[in-house]
C-alpha atoms as a PDB file:
ATOM      1  CA  GLN A   1      58.587 -89.753  91.558  1.00  0.00           C
ATOM      2  CA  VAL A   2      61.991 -91.371  91.696  1.00  0.00           C
ATOM      3  CA  GLN A   3      62.339 -94.288  94.014  1.00  0.00           C
ATOM      4  CA  LEU A   4      65.344 -96.130  95.224  1.00  0.00           C
ATOM      5  CA  VAL A   5      65.462 -99.856  94.737  1.00  0.00           C
ATOM      6  CA  GLU A   6      67.268-101.994  97.274  1.00  0.00           C
ATOM      7  CA  SER A   7      68.258-105.580  96.608  1.00  0.00           C
ATOM      8  CA  GLY A   8      70.419-108.309  98.075  1.00  0.00           C
ATOM      9  CA  GLY A   9      68.558-109.088 101.260  1.00  0.00           C
ATOM     10  CA  GLY A  10      67.724-112.594 102.350  1.00  0.00           C
ATOM     11  CA  LEU A  11      68.326-115.271 104.926  1.00  0.00           C
ATOM     12  CA  VAL A  12      71.861-115.741 106.188  1.00  0.00           C
ATOM     13  CA  GLN A  13      73.346-117.713 109.046  1.00  0.00           C
ATOM     14  CA  PRO A  14      75.036-115.962 111.961  1.00  0.00           C
ATOM     15  CA  GLY A  15      78.557-115.051 110.951  1.00  0.00           C
ATOM     16  CA  GLY A  16      77.593-114.929 107.300  1.00  0.00           C
ATOM     17  CA  SER A  17      77.753-112.164 104.751  1.00  0.00           C
ATOM     18  CA  LEU A  18      75.446-110.300 102.414  1.00  0.00           C
ATOM     19  CA  ARG A  19      75.862-107.462  99.975  1.00  0.00           C
ATOM     20  CA  LEU A  20      73.040-105.000  99.531  1.00  0.00           C
ATOM     21  CA  SER A  21      72.653-102.721  96.524  1.00  0.00           C
ATOM     22  CA  CYS A  22      70.770 -99.473  96.090  1.00  0.00           C
ATOM     23  CA  SER A  23      69.970 -97.872  92.737  1.00  0.00           C
ATOM     24  CA  PRO A  24      67.444 -95.270  91.607  1.00  0.00           C
ATOM     25  CA  SER A  25      64.450 -96.369  89.570  1.00  0.00           C
ATOM     26  CA  ARG A  26      65.415 -93.797  86.916  1.00  0.00           C
ATOM     27  CA  SER A  27      68.917 -93.636  85.500  1.00  0.00           C
ATOM     28  CA  SER A  28      68.646 -89.851  85.200  1.00  0.00           C
ATOM     29  CA  PHE A  29      68.581 -89.553  88.993  1.00  0.00           C
ATOM     30  CA  SER A  30      72.114 -88.805  90.105  1.00  0.00           C
ATOM     31  CA  ILE A  31      72.901 -89.791  93.634  1.00  0.00           C
ATOM     32  CA  ASN A  32      74.718 -87.448  95.984  1.00  0.00           C
ATOM     33  CA  ALA A  33      75.147 -88.571  99.596  1.00  0.00           C
ATOM     34  CA  VAL A  34      73.649 -91.894 100.638  1.00  0.00           C
ATOM     35  CA  GLY A  35      72.792 -93.529 103.912  1.00  0.00           C
ATOM     36  CA  TRP A  36      71.892 -97.087 104.744  1.00  0.00           C
ATOM     37  CA  TYR A  37      69.447 -97.466 107.613  1.00  0.00           C
ATOM     38  CA  ARG A  38      67.852-100.446 109.288  1.00  0.00           C
ATOM     39  CA  GLN A  39      64.751-101.035 111.325  1.00  0.00           C
ATOM     40  CA  ALA A  40      64.358-104.118 113.454  1.00  0.00           C
ATOM     41  CA  PRO A  41      60.925-105.280 114.611  1.00  0.00           C
ATOM     42  CA  GLY A  42      59.659-103.069 117.396  1.00  0.00           C
ATOM     43  CA  LYS A  43      62.615-100.704 117.175  1.00  0.00           C
ATOM     44  CA  GLU A  44      63.275 -97.313 115.664  1.00  0.00           C
ATOM     45  CA  ARG A  45      65.038 -96.892 112.367  1.00  0.00           C
ATOM     46  CA  GLU A  46      68.761 -96.379 112.867  1.00  0.00           C
ATOM     47  CA  LEU A  47      71.559 -95.122 110.666  1.00  0.00           C
ATOM     48  CA  VAL A  48      74.078 -97.800 109.755  1.00  0.00           C
ATOM     49  CA  ALA A  49      76.474 -96.226 107.260  1.00  0.00           C
ATOM     50  CA  THR A  50      76.884 -93.181 105.055  1.00  0.00           C
ATOM     51  CA  ILE A  51      78.885 -92.232 102.004  1.00  0.00           C
ATOM     52  CA  THR A  52      79.359 -88.918 100.239  1.00  0.00           C
ATOM     53  CA  ARG A  53      79.657 -88.506  96.501  1.00  0.00           C
ATOM     54  CA  THR A  54      83.411 -88.252  96.885  1.00  0.00           C
ATOM     55  CA  GLY A  55      83.536 -91.482  98.857  1.00  0.00           C
ATOM     56  CA  ARG A  56      83.892 -90.292 102.426  1.00  0.00           C
ATOM     57  CA  THR A  57      82.296 -92.898 104.680  1.00  0.00           C
ATOM     58  CA  GLY A  58      80.856 -93.084 108.172  1.00  0.00           C
ATOM     59  CA  TYR A  59      79.617 -95.988 110.268  1.00  0.00           C
ATOM     60  CA  ALA A  60      77.615 -96.693 113.377  1.00  0.00           C
ATOM     61  CA  ASP A  61      79.876 -97.999 116.122  1.00  0.00           C
ATOM     62  CA  SER A  62      78.015-101.307 116.146  1.00  0.00           C
ATOM     63  CA  VAL A  63      79.039-102.136 112.558  1.00  0.00           C
ATOM     64  CA  LYS A  64      82.539-100.666 112.311  1.00  0.00           C
ATOM     65  CA  GLY A  65      85.007-103.211 111.014  1.00  0.00           C
ATOM     66  CA  ARG A  66      82.267-105.520 109.724  1.00  0.00           C
ATOM     67  CA  PHE A  67      80.247-103.426 107.255  1.00  0.00           C
ATOM     68  CA  THR A  68      81.591-101.552 104.262  1.00  0.00           C
ATOM     69  CA  ILE A  69      79.676 -98.967 102.273  1.00  0.00           C
ATOM     70  CA  SER A  70      80.867 -98.207  98.762  1.00  0.00           C
ATOM     71  CA  ARG A  71      79.603 -96.715  95.528  1.00  0.00           C
ATOM     72  CA  ASP A  72      80.050 -96.973  91.804  1.00  0.00           C
ATOM     73  CA  ASN A  73      79.169 -93.569  90.380  1.00  0.00           C
ATOM     74  CA  ALA A  74      79.315 -94.884  86.829  1.00  0.00           C
ATOM     75  CA  LYS A  75      76.586 -97.391  87.691  1.00  0.00           C
ATOM     76  CA  ASN A  76      74.797 -94.937  89.999  1.00  0.00           C
ATOM     77  CA  THR A  77      74.734 -97.652  92.639  1.00  0.00           C
ATOM     78  CA  VAL A  78      75.647 -97.812  96.297  1.00  0.00           C
ATOM     79  CA  TYR A  79      76.515-101.025  98.112  1.00  0.00           C
ATOM     80  CA  LEU A  80      76.583-102.224 101.678  1.00  0.00           C
ATOM     81  CA  GLU A  81      78.822-105.207 102.296  1.00  0.00           C
ATOM     82  CA  MET A  82      77.894-106.864 105.582  1.00  0.00           C
ATOM     83  CA  ASN A  83      80.139-109.441 107.221  1.00  0.00           C
ATOM     84  CA  SER A  84      79.991-111.370 110.489  1.00  0.00           C
ATOM     85  CA  LEU A  85      76.265-110.782 110.712  1.00  0.00           C
ATOM     86  CA  LYS A  86      74.522-111.253 114.042  1.00  0.00           C
ATOM     87  CA  PRO A  87      70.961-112.389 114.744  1.00  0.00           C
ATOM     88  CA  GLU A  88      70.171-109.030 116.321  1.00  0.00           C
ATOM     89  CA  GLU A  89      70.914-107.398 112.978  1.00  0.00           C
ATOM     90  CA  THR A  90      67.804-108.920 111.502  1.00  0.00           C
ATOM     91  CA  ALA A  91      65.950-105.926 110.114  1.00  0.00           C
ATOM     92  CA  VAL A  92      64.614-104.231 107.052  1.00  0.00           C
ATOM     93  CA  TYR A  93      67.477-102.299 105.505  1.00  0.00           C
ATOM     94  CA  TYR A  94      66.650 -99.048 103.753  1.00  0.00           C
ATOM     95  CA  CYS A  95      68.584 -96.851 101.413  1.00  0.00           C
ATOM     96  CA  ASN A  96      68.216 -93.079 101.551  1.00  0.00           C
ATOM     97  CA  ALA A  97      69.763 -90.906  98.882  1.00  0.00           C
ATOM     98  CA  ILE A  98      70.032 -87.196  98.332  1.00  0.00           C
ATOM     99  CA  SER A  99      69.467 -86.057  94.771  1.00  0.00           C
ATOM    100  CA  LEU A 100      72.509 -84.363  93.299  1.00  0.00           C
ATOM    101  CA  LEU A 101      70.220 -82.104  91.270  1.00  0.00           C
ATOM    102  CA  THR A 102      67.447 -81.166  93.698  1.00  0.00           C
ATOM    103  CA  GLY A 103      68.915 -81.865  97.111  1.00  0.00           C
ATOM    104  CA  LYS A 104      65.775 -83.794  98.012  1.00  0.00           C
ATOM    105  CA  SER A 105      65.840 -86.981 100.055  1.00  0.00           C
ATOM    106  CA  HIS A 106      64.487 -90.217  98.628  1.00  0.00           C
ATOM    107  CA  TRP A 107      63.831 -93.551 100.315  1.00  0.00           C
ATOM    108  CA  GLY A 108      63.620 -97.067  99.055  1.00  0.00           C
ATOM    109  CA  GLU A 109      61.055 -99.608 100.223  1.00  0.00           C
ATOM    110  CA  GLY A 110      63.661-101.668 102.003  1.00  0.00           C
ATOM    111  CA  THR A 111      65.061-105.150 101.770  1.00  0.00           C
ATOM    112  CA  LEU A 112      64.694-107.711 104.538  1.00  0.00           C
ATOM    113  CA  VAL A 113      67.805-109.235 106.071  1.00  0.00           C
ATOM    114  CA  THR A 114      67.222-112.206 108.347  1.00  0.00           C
ATOM    115  CA  VAL A 115      70.139-113.570 110.335  1.00  0.00           C
ATOM    116  CA  SER A 116      69.194-116.951 111.713  1.00  0.00           C
ATOM    117  CA  SER A 117      70.395-120.517 111.913  1.00  0.00           C
END
């Protein structure tokens, strides 16, 4: 079972930046479309940003202009650059990827982002 591995989370002050990465646990897993989601304590999981294999992106209104999703197909990795972070964006951030081969959806276990002074 292929899993996605997220990294880059941590503690950051309000207004700070972090870059998250998402890669499959097996290099043979080719990523098609990808979405970054987040789930804050006591809240439902919400979609933050998406990117297709060709690089078309989409963002939740709350993060437009501050977050950037990108991908390096050669490295089979997707990134989420987060700037001007707010305390209310403290959450576990998850990566979801669609397999290019099977069309199946795969989730990572998440990486915790804490925005606090």
